Amino acid sequence: MLRVASELGWLEAYCNDLYIDCRRVAEGTSGNLIWVVRHHGCRAYPTSCANQHELRDRREIVRYWSGQHPLNWSEDAKCLALFYLVTHDGIEELSFADASACFTLLE
């Protein structure tokens, strides 16, 4: 995550967010995460959702930051978030649709 943030050049703008997200990964208690990286901040969300409300909420968050939501529509790519799947094996950039599909209900 630090490597990706450094490559994007946005590190100084959101170092507190990045610290919290990296700590969540280091603790290893969240399982897989969808990491939403915006030009002014970032946030990691566990892919496992406790209930339908949480599942719907996380999918809406991804849609909102993708620029596909009517309240946050933009043609400027700099204003759109990037989405990453963070696992114990590494990090992979995803489309917003693939990121949204990663969220599932706990079984």
PDB file of N, CA and C in Angstrom:
ATOM      1  N   MET A   1       0.824  -1.179   0.000  1.00  0.00           N
ATOM      2  CA  MET A   1       0.000   0.000   0.000  1.00  0.00           C
ATOM      3  C   MET A   1       0.873   1.249   0.000  1.00  0.00           C
ATOM      4  N   LEU A   2       1.950   1.201   0.775  1.00  0.00           N
ATOM      5  CA  LEU A   2       2.859   2.354   0.801  1.00  0.00           C
ATOM      6  C   LEU A   2       3.494   2.580  -0.571  1.00  0.00           C
ATOM      7  N   ARG A   3       3.846   1.485  -1.245  1.00  0.00           N
ATOM      8  CA  ARG A   3       4.454   1.600  -2.578  1.00  0.00           C
ATOM      9  C   ARG A   3       3.479   2.254  -3.542  1.00  0.00           C
ATOM     10  N   VAL A   4       2.236   1.790  -3.545  1.00  0.00           N
ATOM     11  CA  VAL A   4       1.221   2.350  -4.446  1.00  0.00           C
ATOM     12  C   VAL A   4       1.004   3.827  -4.145  1.00  0.00           C
ATOM     13  N   ALA A   5       0.873   4.166  -2.878  1.00  0.00           N
ATOM     14  CA  ALA A   5       0.661   5.568  -2.497  1.00  0.00           C
ATOM     15  C   ALA A   5       1.828   6.444  -2.943  1.00  0.00           C
ATOM     16  N   SER A   6       3.028   5.934  -2.781  1.00  0.00           N
ATOM     17  CA  SER A   6       4.215   6.684  -3.183  1.00  0.00           C
ATOM     18  C   SER A   6       4.245   6.884  -4.703  1.00  0.00           C
ATOM     19  N   GLU A   7       3.895   5.840  -5.443  1.00  0.00           N
ATOM     20  CA  GLU A   7       3.881   5.943  -6.901  1.00  0.00           C
ATOM     21  C   GLU A   7       2.836   6.952  -7.384  1.00  0.00           C
ATOM     22  N   LEU A   8       1.710   7.021  -6.676  1.00  0.00           N
ATOM     23  CA  LEU A   8       0.662   7.973  -7.049  1.00  0.00           C
ATOM     24  C   LEU A   8       1.064   9.405  -6.728  1.00  0.00           C
ATOM     25  N   GLY A   9       1.966   9.560  -5.781  1.00  0.00           N
ATOM     26  CA  GLY A   9       2.415  10.888  -5.403  1.00  0.00           C
ATOM     27  C   GLY A   9       1.447  11.622  -4.499  1.00  0.00           C
ATOM     28  N   TRP A  10       0.490  10.907  -3.922  1.00  0.00           N
ATOM     29  CA  TRP A  10      -0.517  11.527  -3.072  1.00  0.00           C
ATOM     30  C   TRP A  10      -0.224  11.319  -1.597  1.00  0.00           C
ATOM     31  N   LEU A  11       0.900  10.751  -1.272  1.00  0.00           N
ATOM     32  CA  LEU A  11       1.203  10.318   0.092  1.00  0.00           C
ATOM     33  C   LEU A  11       1.043  11.417   1.135  1.00  0.00           C
ATOM     34  N   GLU A  12       1.586  12.597   0.900  1.00  0.00           N
ATOM     35  CA  GLU A  12       1.518  13.657   1.905  1.00  0.00           C
ATOM     36  C   GLU A  12       0.090  14.121   2.175  1.00  0.00           C
ATOM     37  N   ALA A  13      -0.758  14.036   1.184  1.00  0.00           N
ATOM     38  CA  ALA A  13      -2.122  14.530   1.332  1.00  0.00           C
ATOM     39  C   ALA A  13      -2.970  13.675   2.270  1.00  0.00           C
ATOM     40  N   TYR A  14      -2.568  12.437   2.465  1.00  0.00           N
ATOM     41  CA  TYR A  14      -3.416  11.578   3.293  1.00  0.00           C
ATOM     42  C   TYR A  14      -2.618  10.613   4.162  1.00  0.00           C
ATOM     43  N   CYS A  15      -1.535  11.077   4.740  1.00  0.00           N
ATOM     44  CA  CYS A  15      -0.687  10.176   5.519  1.00  0.00           C
ATOM     45  C   CYS A  15      -1.413   9.593   6.726  1.00  0.00           C
ATOM     46  N   ASN A  16      -2.335  10.314   7.352  1.00  0.00           N
ATOM     47  CA  ASN A  16      -3.070   9.754   8.489  1.00  0.00           C
ATOM     48  C   ASN A  16      -3.982   8.618   8.038  1.00  0.00           C
ATOM     49  N   ASP A  17      -4.703   8.804   6.932  1.00  0.00           N
ATOM     50  CA  ASP A  17      -5.551   7.739   6.398  1.00  0.00           C
ATOM     51  C   ASP A  17      -4.708   6.512   6.062  1.00  0.00           C
ATOM     52  N   LEU A  18      -3.597   6.742   5.423  1.00  0.00           N
ATOM     53  CA  LEU A  18      -2.724   5.649   5.001  1.00  0.00           C
ATOM     54  C   LEU A  18      -2.182   4.888   6.210  1.00  0.00           C
ATOM     55  N   TYR A  19      -1.826   5.602   7.257  1.00  0.00           N
ATOM     56  CA  TYR A  19      -1.343   4.961   8.475  1.00  0.00           C
ATOM     57  C   TYR A  19      -2.411   4.027   9.047  1.00  0.00           C
ATOM     58  N   ILE A  20      -3.648   4.493   9.113  1.00  0.00           N
ATOM     59  CA  ILE A  20      -4.744   3.682   9.655  1.00  0.00           C
ATOM     60  C   ILE A  20      -4.974   2.448   8.787  1.00  0.00           C
ATOM     61  N   ASP A  21      -4.987   2.626   7.471  1.00  0.00           N
ATOM     62  CA  ASP A  21      -5.213   1.498   6.564  1.00  0.00           C
ATOM     63  C   ASP A  21      -4.090   0.473   6.638  1.00  0.00           C
ATOM     64  N   CYS A  22      -2.850   0.932   6.665  1.00  0.00           N
ATOM     65  CA  CYS A  22      -1.714   0.014   6.757  1.00  0.00           C
ATOM     66  C   CYS A  22      -1.713  -0.734   8.091  1.00  0.00           C
ATOM     67  N   ARG A  23      -2.115  -0.059   9.142  1.00  0.00           N
ATOM     68  CA  ARG A  23      -2.192  -0.710  10.448  1.00  0.00           C
ATOM     69  C   ARG A  23      -3.254  -1.816  10.433  1.00  0.00           C
ATOM     70  N   ARG A  24      -4.369  -1.560   9.778  1.00  0.00           N
ATOM     71  CA  ARG A  24      -5.427  -2.569   9.662  1.00  0.00           C
ATOM     72  C   ARG A  24      -4.896  -3.819   8.954  1.00  0.00           C
ATOM     73  N   VAL A  25      -4.117  -3.630   7.904  1.00  0.00           N
ATOM     74  CA  VAL A  25      -3.529  -4.755   7.182  1.00  0.00           C
ATOM     75  C   VAL A  25      -2.515  -5.480   8.069  1.00  0.00           C
ATOM     76  N   ALA A  26      -1.675  -4.733   8.762  1.00  0.00           N
ATOM     77  CA  ALA A  26      -0.641  -5.334   9.609  1.00  0.00           C
ATOM     78  C   ALA A  26      -1.242  -6.169  10.737  1.00  0.00           C
ATOM     79  N   GLU A  27      -2.385  -5.724  11.265  1.00  0.00           N
ATOM     80  CA  GLU A  27      -3.044  -6.473  12.336  1.00  0.00           C
ATOM     81  C   GLU A  27      -3.609  -7.788  11.813  1.00  0.00           C
ATOM     82  N   GLY A  28      -3.917  -7.831  10.531  1.00  0.00           N
ATOM     83  CA  GLY A  28      -4.357  -9.070   9.909  1.00  0.00           C
ATOM     84  C   GLY A  28      -5.708  -9.587  10.353  1.00  0.00           C
ATOM     85  N   THR A  29      -6.510  -8.755  10.983  1.00  0.00           N
ATOM     86  CA  THR A  29      -7.796  -9.220  11.496  1.00  0.00           C
ATOM     87  C   THR A  29      -8.942  -8.984  10.527  1.00  0.00           C
ATOM     88  N   SER A  30      -8.713  -8.233   9.475  1.00  0.00           N
ATOM     89  CA  SER A  30      -9.803  -7.849   8.575  1.00  0.00           C
ATOM     90  C   SER A  30      -9.967  -8.761   7.371  1.00  0.00           C
ATOM     91  N   GLY A  31      -9.047  -9.669   7.124  1.00  0.00           N
ATOM     92  CA  GLY A  31      -9.118 -10.476   5.908  1.00  0.00           C
ATOM     93  C   GLY A  31      -8.824  -9.602   4.699  1.00  0.00           C
ATOM     94  N   ASN A  32      -9.457  -9.902   3.578  1.00  0.00           N
ATOM     95  CA  ASN A  32      -9.258  -9.106   2.363  1.00  0.00           C
ATOM     96  C   ASN A  32      -9.921  -7.743   2.515  1.00  0.00           C
ATOM     97  N   LEU A  33      -9.312  -6.751   1.853  1.00  0.00           N
ATOM     98  CA  LEU A  33      -9.815  -5.383   1.931  1.00  0.00           C
ATOM     99  C   LEU A  33      -9.960  -4.800   0.534  1.00  0.00           C
ATOM    100  N   ILE A  34     -10.937  -3.920   0.377  1.00  0.00           N
ATOM    101  CA  ILE A  34     -10.990  -3.056  -0.799  1.00  0.00           C
ATOM    102  C   ILE A  34     -10.468  -1.711  -0.326  1.00  0.00           C
ATOM    103  N   TRP A  35      -9.400  -1.263  -0.971  1.00  0.00           N
ATOM    104  CA  TRP A  35      -8.759  -0.001  -0.606  1.00  0.00           C
ATOM    105  C   TRP A  35      -9.181   1.048  -1.621  1.00  0.00           C
ATOM    106  N   VAL A  36      -9.891   2.056  -1.164  1.00  0.00           N
ATOM    107  CA  VAL A  36     -10.372   3.150  -2.014  1.00  0.00           C
ATOM    108  C   VAL A  36      -9.402   4.315  -1.851  1.00  0.00           C
ATOM    109  N   VAL A  37      -8.728   4.672  -2.942  1.00  0.00           N
ATOM    110  CA  VAL A  37      -7.699   5.717  -2.908  1.00  0.00           C
ATOM    111  C   VAL A  37      -8.188   6.899  -3.737  1.00  0.00           C
ATOM    112  N   ARG A  38      -8.360   8.046  -3.070  1.00  0.00           N
ATOM    113  CA  ARG A  38      -8.786   9.275  -3.726  1.00  0.00           C
ATOM    114  C   ARG A  38      -7.644  10.285  -3.639  1.00  0.00           C
ATOM    115  N   HIS A  39      -7.722  11.352  -4.392  1.00  0.00           N
ATOM    116  CA  HIS A  39      -6.644  12.343  -4.390  1.00  0.00           C
ATOM    117  C   HIS A  39      -6.540  13.060  -3.056  1.00  0.00           C
ATOM    118  N   HIS A  40      -7.557  12.972  -2.215  1.00  0.00           N
ATOM    119  CA  HIS A  40      -7.534  13.673  -0.929  1.00  0.00           C
ATOM    120  C   HIS A  40      -7.715  12.743   0.270  1.00  0.00           C
ATOM    121  N   GLY A  41      -7.597  11.442   0.069  1.00  0.00           N
ATOM    122  CA  GLY A  41      -7.710  10.515   1.188  1.00  0.00           C
ATOM    123  C   GLY A  41      -7.872   9.091   0.713  1.00  0.00           C
ATOM    124  N   CYS A  42      -7.833   8.171   1.658  1.00  0.00           N
ATOM    125  CA  CYS A  42      -8.014   6.764   1.331  1.00  0.00           C
ATOM    126  C   CYS A  42      -8.713   6.072   2.495  1.00  0.00           C
ATOM    127  N   ARG A  43      -9.268   4.920   2.205  1.00  0.00           N
ATOM    128  CA  ARG A  43      -9.956   4.144   3.235  1.00  0.00           C
ATOM    129  C   ARG A  43     -10.012   2.699   2.790  1.00  0.00           C
ATOM    130  N   ALA A  44      -9.723   1.789   3.709  1.00  0.00           N
ATOM    131  CA  ALA A  44      -9.791   0.357   3.430  1.00  0.00           C
ATOM    132  C   ALA A  44     -11.045  -0.222   4.080  1.00  0.00           C
ATOM    133  N   TYR A  45     -11.770  -1.020   3.313  1.00  0.00           N
ATOM    134  CA  TYR A  45     -13.000  -1.641   3.786  1.00  0.00           C
ATOM    135  C   TYR A  45     -12.872  -3.159   3.706  1.00  0.00           C
ATOM    136  N   PRO A  46     -13.167  -3.878   4.780  1.00  0.00           N
ATOM    137  CA  PRO A  46     -13.169  -5.348   4.709  1.00  0.00           C
ATOM    138  C   PRO A  46     -14.178  -5.819   3.660  1.00  0.00           C
ATOM    139  N   THR A  47     -13.822  -6.856   2.925  1.00  0.00           N
ATOM    140  CA  THR A  47     -14.732  -7.370   1.901  1.00  0.00           C
ATOM    141  C   THR A  47     -15.873  -8.180   2.509  1.00  0.00           C
ATOM    142  N   SER A  48     -15.693  -8.689   3.706  1.00  0.00           N
ATOM    143  CA  SER A  48     -16.741  -9.455   4.381  1.00  0.00           C
ATOM    144  C   SER A  48     -17.677  -8.504   5.111  1.00  0.00           C
ATOM    145  N   CYS A  49     -18.957  -8.628   4.834  1.00  0.00           N
ATOM    146  CA  CYS A  49     -19.969  -7.745   5.419  1.00  0.00           C
ATOM    147  C   CYS A  49     -20.857  -8.545   6.371  1.00  0.00           C
ATOM    148  N   ALA A  50     -21.195  -7.944   7.488  1.00  0.00           N
ATOM    149  CA  ALA A  50     -21.962  -8.623   8.527  1.00  0.00           C
ATOM    150  C   ALA A  50     -23.441  -8.767   8.174  1.00  0.00           C
ATOM    151  N   ASN A  51     -23.977  -7.858   7.341  1.00  0.00           N
ATOM    152  CA  ASN A  51     -25.399  -7.908   7.018  1.00  0.00           C
ATOM    153  C   ASN A  51     -25.647  -7.196   5.677  1.00  0.00           C
ATOM    154  N   GLN A  52     -26.884  -7.260   5.215  1.00  0.00           N
ATOM    155  CA  GLN A  52     -27.247  -6.668   3.920  1.00  0.00           C
ATOM    156  C   GLN A  52     -27.021  -5.153   3.901  1.00  0.00           C
ATOM    157  N   HIS A  53     -27.303  -4.494   5.009  1.00  0.00           N
ATOM    158  CA  HIS A  53     -27.115  -3.042   5.086  1.00  0.00           C
ATOM    159  C   HIS A  53     -25.643  -2.680   4.850  1.00  0.00           C
ATOM    160  N   GLU A  54     -24.746  -3.383   5.524  1.00  0.00           N
ATOM    161  CA  GLU A  54     -23.308  -3.120   5.361  1.00  0.00           C
ATOM    162  C   GLU A  54     -22.864  -3.425   3.937  1.00  0.00           C
ATOM    163  N   LEU A  55     -23.357  -4.498   3.372  1.00  0.00           N
ATOM    164  CA  LEU A  55     -23.024  -4.866   1.991  1.00  0.00           C
ATOM    165  C   LEU A  55     -23.462  -3.775   1.021  1.00  0.00           C
ATOM    166  N   ARG A  56     -24.699  -3.322   1.140  1.00  0.00           N
ATOM    167  CA  ARG A  56     -25.229  -2.271   0.266  1.00  0.00           C
ATOM    168  C   ARG A  56     -24.453  -0.960   0.454  1.00  0.00           C
ATOM    169  N   ASP A  57     -24.135  -0.629   1.703  1.00  0.00           N
ATOM    170  CA  ASP A  57     -23.405   0.598   2.011  1.00  0.00           C
ATOM    171  C   ASP A  57     -22.024   0.598   1.362  1.00  0.00           C
ATOM    172  N   ARG A  58     -21.294  -0.483   1.493  1.00  0.00           N
ATOM    173  CA  ARG A  58     -19.937  -0.541   0.913  1.00  0.00           C
ATOM    174  C   ARG A  58     -19.972  -0.494  -0.602  1.00  0.00           C
ATOM    175  N   ARG A  59     -20.944  -1.147  -1.196  1.00  0.00           N
ATOM    176  CA  ARG A  59     -21.059  -1.085  -2.657  1.00  0.00           C
ATOM    177  C   ARG A  59     -21.412   0.328  -3.122  1.00  0.00           C
ATOM    178  N   GLU A  60     -22.236   1.026  -2.369  1.00  0.00           N
ATOM    179  CA  GLU A  60     -22.578   2.407  -2.707  1.00  0.00           C
ATOM    180  C   GLU A  60     -21.371   3.335  -2.545  1.00  0.00           C
ATOM    181  N   ILE A  61     -20.554   3.089  -1.539  1.00  0.00           N
ATOM    182  CA  ILE A  61     -19.341   3.893  -1.349  1.00  0.00           C
ATOM    183  C   ILE A  61     -18.441   3.769  -2.572  1.00  0.00           C
ATOM    184  N   VAL A  62     -18.238   2.547  -3.031  1.00  0.00           N
ATOM    185  CA  VAL A  62     -17.394   2.323  -4.212  1.00  0.00           C
ATOM    186  C   VAL A  62     -18.013   3.004  -5.436  1.00  0.00           C
ATOM    187  N   ARG A  63     -19.304   2.863  -5.605  1.00  0.00           N
ATOM    188  CA  ARG A  63     -19.973   3.506  -6.745  1.00  0.00           C
ATOM    189  C   ARG A  63     -19.847   5.027  -6.676  1.00  0.00           C
ATOM    190  N   TYR A  64     -20.032   5.578  -5.489  1.00  0.00           N
ATOM    191  CA  TYR A  64     -19.926   7.023  -5.309  1.00  0.00           C
ATOM    192  C   TYR A  64     -18.551   7.529  -5.742  1.00  0.00           C
ATOM    193  N   TRP A  65     -17.497   6.902  -5.245  1.00  0.00           N
ATOM    194  CA  TRP A  65     -16.147   7.384  -5.538  1.00  0.00           C
ATOM    195  C   TRP A  65     -15.680   7.024  -6.951  1.00  0.00           C
ATOM    196  N   SER A  66     -16.430   6.159  -7.640  1.00  0.00           N
ATOM    197  CA  SER A  66     -16.049   5.793  -9.008  1.00  0.00           C
ATOM    198  C   SER A  66     -16.398   6.888 -10.010  1.00  0.00           C
ATOM    199  N   GLY A  67     -17.264   7.824  -9.609  1.00  0.00           N
ATOM    200  CA  GLY A  67     -17.738   8.843 -10.531  1.00  0.00           C
ATOM    201  C   GLY A  67     -18.994   8.418 -11.265  1.00  0.00           C
ATOM    202  N   GLN A  68     -19.529   7.251 -10.947  1.00  0.00           N
ATOM    203  CA  GLN A  68     -20.742   6.743 -11.580  1.00  0.00           C
ATOM    204  C   GLN A  68     -22.003   7.130 -10.810  1.00  0.00           C
ATOM    205  N   HIS A  69     -21.841   7.721  -9.658  1.00  0.00           N
ATOM    206  CA  HIS A  69     -22.974   8.104  -8.821  1.00  0.00           C
ATOM    207  C   HIS A  69     -23.430   9.515  -9.208  1.00  0.00           C
ATOM    208  N   PRO A  70     -24.739   9.768  -9.280  1.00  0.00           N
ATOM    209  CA  PRO A  70     -25.214  11.097  -9.700  1.00  0.00           C
ATOM    210  C   PRO A  70     -24.744  12.247  -8.799  1.00  0.00           C
ATOM    211  N   LEU A  71     -24.438  11.967  -7.538  1.00  0.00           N
ATOM    212  CA  LEU A  71     -23.981  13.022  -6.632  1.00  0.00           C
ATOM    213  C   LEU A  71     -22.479  13.273  -6.704  1.00  0.00           C
ATOM    214  N   ASN A  72     -21.754  12.429  -7.410  1.00  0.00           N
ATOM    215  CA  ASN A  72     -20.302  12.589  -7.509  1.00  0.00           C
ATOM    216  C   ASN A  72     -19.837  12.225  -8.912  1.00  0.00           C
ATOM    217  N   TRP A  73     -20.491  12.795  -9.909  1.00  0.00           N
ATOM    218  CA  TRP A  73     -20.180  12.500 -11.296  1.00  0.00           C
ATOM    219  C   TRP A  73     -19.043  13.395 -11.778  1.00  0.00           C
ATOM    220  N   SER A  74     -18.097  12.816 -12.489  1.00  0.00           N
ATOM    221  CA  SER A  74     -16.988  13.613 -13.011  1.00  0.00           C
ATOM    222  C   SER A  74     -16.398  12.957 -14.242  1.00  0.00           C
ATOM    223  N   GLU A  75     -15.985  13.787 -15.194  1.00  0.00           N
ATOM    224  CA  GLU A  75     -15.237  13.295 -16.346  1.00  0.00           C
ATOM    225  C   GLU A  75     -13.739  13.444 -16.123  1.00  0.00           C
ATOM    226  N   ASP A  76     -13.352  14.162 -15.077  1.00  0.00           N
ATOM    227  CA  ASP A  76     -11.951  14.397 -14.773  1.00  0.00           C
ATOM    228  C   ASP A  76     -11.384  13.197 -14.014  1.00  0.00           C
ATOM    229  N   ALA A  77     -10.498  12.451 -14.659  1.00  0.00           N
ATOM    230  CA  ALA A  77      -9.945  11.236 -14.054  1.00  0.00           C
ATOM    231  C   ALA A  77      -9.217  11.518 -12.746  1.00  0.00           C
ATOM    232  N   LYS A  78      -8.681  12.728 -12.579  1.00  0.00           N
ATOM    233  CA  LYS A  78      -7.982  13.061 -11.337  1.00  0.00           C
ATOM    234  C   LYS A  78      -8.925  13.098 -10.144  1.00  0.00           C
ATOM    235  N   CYS A  79     -10.207  13.277 -10.386  1.00  0.00           N
ATOM    236  CA  CYS A  79     -11.194  13.337  -9.309  1.00  0.00           C
ATOM    237  C   CYS A  79     -11.759  11.968  -8.955  1.00  0.00           C
ATOM    238  N   LEU A  80     -11.444  10.971  -9.744  1.00  0.00           N
ATOM    239  CA  LEU A  80     -11.997   9.635  -9.527  1.00  0.00           C
ATOM    240  C   LEU A  80     -11.063   8.807  -8.653  1.00  0.00           C
ATOM    241  N   ALA A  81     -11.655   7.940  -7.860  1.00  0.00           N
ATOM    242  CA  ALA A  81     -10.878   7.072  -6.987  1.00  0.00           C
ATOM    243  C   ALA A  81     -10.279   5.915  -7.774  1.00  0.00           C
ATOM    244  N   LEU A  82      -9.246   5.338  -7.201  1.00  0.00           N
ATOM    245  CA  LEU A  82      -8.683   4.079  -7.670  1.00  0.00           C
ATOM    246  C   LEU A  82      -9.071   3.028  -6.642  1.00  0.00           C
ATOM    247  N   PHE A  83      -9.248   1.788  -7.098  1.00  0.00           N
ATOM    248  CA  PHE A  83      -9.691   0.714  -6.221  1.00  0.00           C
ATOM    249  C   PHE A  83      -8.695  -0.433  -6.270  1.00  0.00           C
ATOM    250  N   TYR A  84      -8.372  -0.955  -5.096  1.00  0.00           N
ATOM    251  CA  TYR A  84      -7.407  -2.044  -4.983  1.00  0.00           C
ATOM    252  C   TYR A  84      -7.965  -3.138  -4.087  1.00  0.00           C
ATOM    253  N   LEU A  85      -7.692  -4.383  -4.457  1.00  0.00           N
ATOM    254  CA  LEU A  85      -7.958  -5.512  -3.586  1.00  0.00           C
ATOM    255  C   LEU A  85      -6.656  -5.799  -2.849  1.00  0.00           C
ATOM    256  N   VAL A  86      -6.719  -5.752  -1.520  1.00  0.00           N
ATOM    257  CA  VAL A  86      -5.551  -6.011  -0.686  1.00  0.00           C
ATOM    258  C   VAL A  86      -5.755  -7.357  -0.008  1.00  0.00           C
ATOM    259  N   THR A  87      -4.841  -8.293  -0.278  1.00  0.00           N
ATOM    260  CA  THR A  87      -4.893  -9.624   0.329  1.00  0.00           C
ATOM    261  C   THR A  87      -3.564  -9.899   1.014  1.00  0.00           C
ATOM    262  N   HIS A  88      -3.478 -11.038   1.659  1.00  0.00           N
ATOM    263  CA  HIS A  88      -2.204 -11.422   2.278  1.00  0.00           C
ATOM    264  C   HIS A  88      -1.122 -11.653   1.219  1.00  0.00           C
ATOM    265  N   ASP A  89      -1.536 -11.910  -0.020  1.00  0.00           N
ATOM    266  CA  ASP A  89      -0.586 -12.175  -1.103  1.00  0.00           C
ATOM    267  C   ASP A  89      -0.121 -10.922  -1.825  1.00  0.00           C
ATOM    268  N   GLY A  90      -0.804  -9.796  -1.625  1.00  0.00           N
ATOM    269  CA  GLY A  90      -0.389  -8.574  -2.308  1.00  0.00           C
ATOM    270  C   GLY A  90      -1.548  -7.635  -2.558  1.00  0.00           C
ATOM    271  N   ILE A  91      -1.358  -6.814  -3.579  1.00  0.00           N
ATOM    272  CA  ILE A  91      -2.327  -5.767  -3.891  1.00  0.00           C
ATOM    273  C   ILE A  91      -2.561  -5.755  -5.399  1.00  0.00           C
ATOM    274  N   GLU A  92      -3.824  -5.581  -5.799  1.00  0.00           N
ATOM    275  CA  GLU A  92      -4.185  -5.620  -7.210  1.00  0.00           C
ATOM    276  C   GLU A  92      -5.193  -4.509  -7.505  1.00  0.00           C
ATOM    277  N   GLU A  93      -4.925  -3.723  -8.536  1.00  0.00           N
ATOM    278  CA  GLU A  93      -5.868  -2.675  -8.924  1.00  0.00           C
ATOM    279  C   GLU A  93      -7.076  -3.305  -9.601  1.00  0.00           C
ATOM    280  N   LEU A  94      -8.265  -2.770  -9.272  1.00  0.00           N
ATOM    281  CA  LEU A  94      -9.520  -3.282  -9.814  1.00  0.00           C
ATOM    282  C   LEU A  94     -10.342  -2.147 -10.414  1.00  0.00           C
ATOM    283  N   SER A  95     -11.254  -2.502 -11.299  1.00  0.00           N
ATOM    284  CA  SER A  95     -12.263  -1.542 -11.748  1.00  0.00           C
ATOM    285  C   SER A  95     -13.240  -1.345 -10.594  1.00  0.00           C
ATOM    286  N   PHE A  96     -14.048  -0.287 -10.670  1.00  0.00           N
ATOM    287  CA  PHE A  96     -15.009  -0.083  -9.589  1.00  0.00           C
ATOM    288  C   PHE A  96     -16.026  -1.224  -9.548  1.00  0.00           C
ATOM    289  N   ALA A  97     -16.408  -1.764 -10.701  1.00  0.00           N
ATOM    290  CA  ALA A  97     -17.380  -2.864 -10.731  1.00  0.00           C
ATOM    291  C   ALA A  97     -16.808  -4.112 -10.071  1.00  0.00           C
ATOM    292  N   ASP A  98     -15.544  -4.414 -10.362  1.00  0.00           N
ATOM    293  CA  ASP A  98     -14.910  -5.581  -9.738  1.00  0.00           C
ATOM    294  C   ASP A  98     -14.713  -5.366  -8.243  1.00  0.00           C
ATOM    295  N   ALA A  99     -14.367  -4.140  -7.858  1.00  0.00           N
ATOM    296  CA  ALA A  99     -14.209  -3.843  -6.433  1.00  0.00           C
ATOM    297  C   ALA A  99     -15.531  -4.019  -5.697  1.00  0.00           C
ATOM    298  N   SER A 100     -16.591  -3.528  -6.288  1.00  0.00           N
ATOM    299  CA  SER A 100     -17.911  -3.660  -5.683  1.00  0.00           C
ATOM    300  C   SER A 100     -18.323  -5.118  -5.550  1.00  0.00           C
ATOM    301  N   ALA A 101     -17.994  -5.919  -6.543  1.00  0.00           N
ATOM    302  CA  ALA A 101     -18.359  -7.340  -6.529  1.00  0.00           C
ATOM    303  C   ALA A 101     -17.579  -8.135  -5.475  1.00  0.00           C
ATOM    304  N   CYS A 102     -16.484  -7.609  -4.977  1.00  0.00           N
ATOM    305  CA  CYS A 102     -15.685  -8.302  -3.955  1.00  0.00           C
ATOM    306  C   CYS A 102     -16.373  -8.345  -2.606  1.00  0.00           C
ATOM    307  N   PHE A 103     -17.288  -7.419  -2.357  1.00  0.00           N
ATOM    308  CA  PHE A 103     -17.979  -7.407  -1.072  1.00  0.00           C
ATOM    309  C   PHE A 103     -19.002  -8.538  -1.001  1.00  0.00           C
ATOM    310  N   THR A 104     -18.941  -9.312   0.062  1.00  0.00           N
ATOM    311  CA  THR A 104     -19.847 -10.455   0.233  1.00  0.00           C
ATOM    312  C   THR A 104     -20.316 -10.517   1.680  1.00  0.00           C
ATOM    313  N   LEU A 105     -21.402 -11.233   1.891  1.00  0.00           N
ATOM    314  CA  LEU A 105     -21.908 -11.436   3.248  1.00  0.00           C
ATOM    315  C   LEU A 105     -21.089 -12.514   3.960  1.00  0.00           C
ATOM    316  N   LEU A 106     -20.858 -12.319   5.237  1.00  0.00           N
ATOM    317  CA  LEU A 106     -20.224 -13.354   6.043  1.00  0.00           C
ATOM    318  C   LEU A 106     -21.123 -14.582   6.064  1.00  0.00           C
ATOM    319  N   GLU A 107     -20.530 -15.728   6.031  1.00  0.00           N
ATOM    320  CA  GLU A 107     -21.343 -16.959   6.073  1.00  0.00           C
ATOM    321  C   GLU A 107     -21.331 -17.563   7.444  1.00  0.00           C
TER     322      GLU A 107
END
